[in-house]
Amino acid sequence: MGQIILIIISLLLITLGIVCIFDARVITKKMFSFGDQNEGSMGLKILGFILSIIGAIIFYIAM
């Protein structure tokens, strides 16, 4: 049962990371009021990449 929960959590992290990577510009425009959108979108892309890698590691360990 615990293995299934870890797999679901890891898949959610991977999905959240991919959404952050591909929709960084849209999320930056909608959520934040930065003067420079390039820095905000770059930060979201880095955050999405890190979330995806963490989710993939958890998925690999859970399998």
Protein backbone atom coordinates (compact mmCIF):
# COMPACT_ATOMS: atom_id res chain seq x y z
CA MET A 1 0.00 0.00 0.00
CA GLY A 2 2.83 2.40 0.82
CA GLN A 3 4.48 1.71 -2.52
CA ILE A 4 1.32 2.74 -4.39
CA ILE A 5 1.13 5.98 -2.41
CA LEU A 6 4.77 6.77 -3.21
CA ILE A 7 4.17 6.11 -6.91
CA ILE A 8 1.12 8.41 -6.95
CA ILE A 9 3.01 11.18 -5.13
CA SER A 10 5.97 10.86 -7.49
CA LEU A 11 3.73 11.00 -10.56
CA LEU A 12 2.03 14.12 -9.19
CA LEU A 13 5.44 15.77 -8.63
CA ILE A 14 6.53 14.89 -12.15
CA THR A 15 3.29 16.27 -13.59
CA LEU A 16 3.54 19.48 -11.56
CA GLY A 17 7.14 19.93 -12.69
CA ILE A 18 6.27 19.49 -16.36
CA VAL A 19 3.39 21.97 -16.08
CA CYS A 20 5.76 24.50 -14.47
CA ILE A 21 8.25 24.03 -17.28
CA PHE A 22 5.86 24.38 -20.20
CA ASP A 23 3.50 27.03 -18.79
CA ALA A 24 6.07 29.17 -16.97
CA ARG A 25 5.34 32.33 -18.94
CA VAL A 26 1.57 32.03 -18.51
CA ILE A 27 1.87 31.27 -14.78
CA THR A 28 4.24 34.22 -14.31
CA LYS A 29 1.82 36.62 -16.01
CA LYS A 30 -1.17 35.33 -14.06
CA MET A 31 0.19 34.80 -10.53
CA PHE A 32 3.07 37.22 -10.03
CA SER A 33 3.47 40.92 -10.65
CA PHE A 34 7.14 40.95 -11.55
CA GLY A 35 8.61 43.79 -13.51
CA ASP A 36 10.81 41.34 -15.40
CA GLN A 37 8.90 38.29 -16.58
CA ASN A 38 11.99 36.59 -17.96
CA GLU A 39 13.47 36.08 -14.49
CA GLY A 40 10.17 34.79 -13.12
CA SER A 41 9.66 32.32 -15.93
CA MET A 42 13.26 31.13 -15.68
CA GLY A 43 12.79 30.54 -11.95
CA LEU A 44 9.61 28.55 -12.57
CA LYS A 45 11.34 26.45 -15.22
CA ILE A 46 14.18 25.66 -12.82
CA LEU A 47 11.67 24.80 -10.08
CA GLY A 48 9.77 22.55 -12.51
CA PHE A 49 12.95 20.77 -13.53
CA ILE A 50 13.91 20.14 -9.91
CA LEU A 51 10.40 18.87 -9.07
CA SER A 52 10.48 16.53 -12.06
CA ILE A 53 13.86 15.12 -11.08
CA ILE A 54 12.78 14.59 -7.45
CA GLY A 55 9.59 12.88 -8.62
CA ALA A 56 11.56 10.63 -10.99
CA ILE A 57 13.97 9.63 -8.21
CA ILE A 58 11.08 8.77 -5.88
CA PHE A 59 9.40 6.81 -8.69
CA TYR A 60 12.61 4.90 -9.38
CA ILE A 61 13.09 4.05 -5.70
CA ALA A 62 9.42 3.02 -5.25
CA MET A 63 9.58 0.59 -8.14
